[in-house]
Amino acid sequence: MEQMGTHLVIDAWQAPAELLNDPEAIREALIEAITMGKATLIDMCVHQFSPHGVTATATLAESHIAIHTWPEHGYFAADLFFCGAGQPEIAAKVLQSALKARQIKVQELQRGFIPASLKTISARGG
């Protein structure tokens, strides 16, 4: 099997609480990330929690972006899964910049490959 997509798992810290608790700021950051990442928006849902926090999901023609914020900790977590066209690395940089996170950790997963260990199991009928 070939690579079907790239999945970025992001942890970001030291972001301003007022940005992370602003659903409109999160929506704008996602739209900018989608645009700059050359993806196509199908639908978006943004939800404000009480007393604080925002969760947003963007369904893309290329897959999805999800973000969850903890303003009281200056932290957000995001998943960017892009199949085919699109530039998830650029979209991730846009999110970091738009939400002013001073520290970020990005883990990249290549989706679709069959790992060697599973090939062995699969060959035995597992």
Protein backbone atom coordinates (compact mmCIF):
# COMPACT_ATOMS: atom_id res chain seq x y z
CA MET A 1 0.00 0.00 0.00
CA GLU A 2 1.23 3.48 -0.71
CA GLN A 3 1.09 6.56 1.50
CA MET A 4 -2.52 7.71 1.69
CA GLY A 5 -1.92 10.89 3.64
CA THR A 6 0.00 12.83 6.24
CA HIS A 7 -1.34 13.20 9.77
CA LEU A 8 0.20 15.88 12.00
CA VAL A 9 -0.45 15.66 15.75
CA ILE A 10 0.27 19.00 17.41
CA ASP A 11 0.74 20.05 21.01
CA ALA A 12 1.16 23.80 21.47
CA TRP A 13 1.86 25.79 24.64
CA GLN A 14 2.23 29.36 25.83
CA ALA A 15 -0.60 30.75 23.72
CA PRO A 16 -2.66 33.70 24.98
CA ALA A 17 -5.78 32.59 26.85
CA GLU A 18 -7.93 35.26 25.20
CA LEU A 19 -7.17 33.81 21.75
CA LEU A 20 -7.72 30.23 22.83
CA ASN A 21 -11.08 31.14 24.39
CA ASP A 22 -12.34 33.10 21.36
CA PRO A 23 -14.38 30.92 18.97
CA GLU A 24 -14.15 33.52 16.21
CA ALA A 25 -10.35 33.68 16.53
CA ILE A 26 -10.21 29.89 16.30
CA ARG A 27 -12.50 29.94 13.23
CA GLU A 28 -10.33 32.58 11.54
CA ALA A 29 -7.12 30.66 12.37
CA LEU A 30 -8.59 27.49 10.85
CA ILE A 31 -9.74 29.28 7.70
CA GLU A 32 -6.30 30.84 7.26
CA ALA A 33 -4.59 27.46 7.87
CA ILE A 34 -6.88 25.78 5.33
CA THR A 35 -6.27 28.49 2.74
CA MET A 36 -2.50 28.63 3.19
CA GLY A 37 -2.32 24.81 3.35
CA LYS A 38 -4.06 24.68 -0.04
CA ALA A 39 -6.94 22.58 1.25
CA THR A 40 -10.65 22.77 0.45
CA LEU A 41 -13.16 23.44 3.22
CA ILE A 42 -16.36 21.39 3.12
CA ASP A 43 -17.82 22.21 6.55
CA MET A 44 -16.78 23.66 9.90
CA CYS A 45 -18.14 23.36 13.42
CA VAL A 46 -16.91 25.55 16.28
CA HIS A 47 -18.11 25.04 19.85
CA GLN A 48 -17.48 27.29 22.88
CA PHE A 49 -17.39 25.50 26.23
CA SER A 50 -18.35 27.04 29.56
CA PRO A 51 -16.52 28.37 31.44
CA HIS A 52 -13.71 28.21 28.84
CA GLY A 53 -12.30 26.30 25.91
CA VAL A 54 -13.10 25.84 22.26
CA THR A 55 -13.32 22.78 20.05
CA ALA A 56 -13.44 23.15 16.29
CA THR A 57 -13.47 20.71 13.44
CA ALA A 58 -13.05 21.41 9.77
CA THR A 59 -14.06 18.75 7.29
CA LEU A 60 -11.85 19.07 4.23
CA ALA A 61 -11.93 17.55 0.77
CA GLU A 62 -8.44 16.37 1.78
CA SER A 63 -9.63 14.99 5.18
CA HIS A 64 -9.85 17.13 8.37
CA ILE A 65 -8.43 19.52 10.95
CA ALA A 66 -9.51 19.36 14.59
CA ILE A 67 -8.42 21.70 17.38
CA HIS A 68 -9.15 21.67 21.10
CA THR A 69 -8.11 24.51 23.42
CA TRP A 70 -7.43 24.80 27.14
CA PRO A 71 -7.11 28.59 27.61
CA GLU A 72 -6.49 28.25 31.34
CA HIS A 73 -3.27 26.38 30.47
CA GLY A 74 -2.31 28.36 27.35
CA TYR A 75 -2.45 25.03 25.50
CA PHE A 76 -4.06 23.66 22.36
CA ALA A 77 -4.01 20.29 20.65
CA ALA A 78 -4.64 19.88 16.94
CA ASP A 79 -4.83 17.08 14.40
CA LEU A 80 -4.29 17.81 10.73
CA PHE A 81 -4.90 14.89 8.39
CA PHE A 82 -4.37 15.68 4.71
CA CYS A 83 -4.76 13.10 1.93
CA GLY A 84 -3.61 13.86 -1.59
CA ALA A 85 -3.11 17.53 -2.32
CA GLY A 86 -2.49 20.06 0.40
CA GLN A 87 0.34 21.18 2.63
CA PRO A 88 -0.36 20.25 6.27
CA GLU A 89 3.06 21.50 7.44
CA ILE A 90 2.21 25.02 6.25
CA ALA A 91 -1.25 24.79 7.81
CA ALA A 92 0.37 23.81 11.13
CA LYS A 93 2.72 26.81 11.02
CA VAL A 94 -0.25 29.09 10.31
CA LEU A 95 -2.11 27.73 13.37
CA GLN A 96 0.95 28.26 15.56
CA SER A 97 1.37 31.82 14.31
CA ALA A 98 -2.32 32.77 14.37
CA LEU A 99 -2.77 31.45 17.93
CA LYS A 100 0.61 32.83 19.05
CA ALA A 101 1.89 29.60 20.57
CA ARG A 102 5.49 30.11 21.67
CA GLN A 103 6.24 26.39 21.95
CA ILE A 104 5.02 23.60 19.67
CA LYS A 105 5.62 19.89 19.20
CA VAL A 106 4.62 18.27 15.92
CA GLN A 107 4.49 14.53 15.38
CA GLU A 108 4.11 13.35 11.79
CA LEU A 109 2.46 10.07 10.88
CA GLN A 110 2.47 8.76 7.36
CA ARG A 111 -0.89 7.09 6.86
CA GLY A 112 -1.58 4.13 4.61
CA PHE A 113 1.69 2.22 4.73
CA ILE A 114 1.62 -1.31 6.07
CA PRO A 115 4.40 -1.51 8.72
CA ALA A 116 6.88 -4.38 8.32
CA SER A 117 5.71 -5.96 11.60
CA LEU A 118 2.12 -6.12 10.32
CA LYS A 119 3.24 -7.54 6.99
CA THR A 120 4.68 -10.52 8.86
CA ILE A 121 1.50 -11.02 10.89
CA SER A 122 -0.63 -10.57 7.81
CA ALA A 123 1.42 -13.12 5.87
CA ARG A 124 0.63 -15.71 8.57
CA GLY A 125 -3.07 -15.13 8.13
CA GLY A 126 -3.45 -12.75 11.11
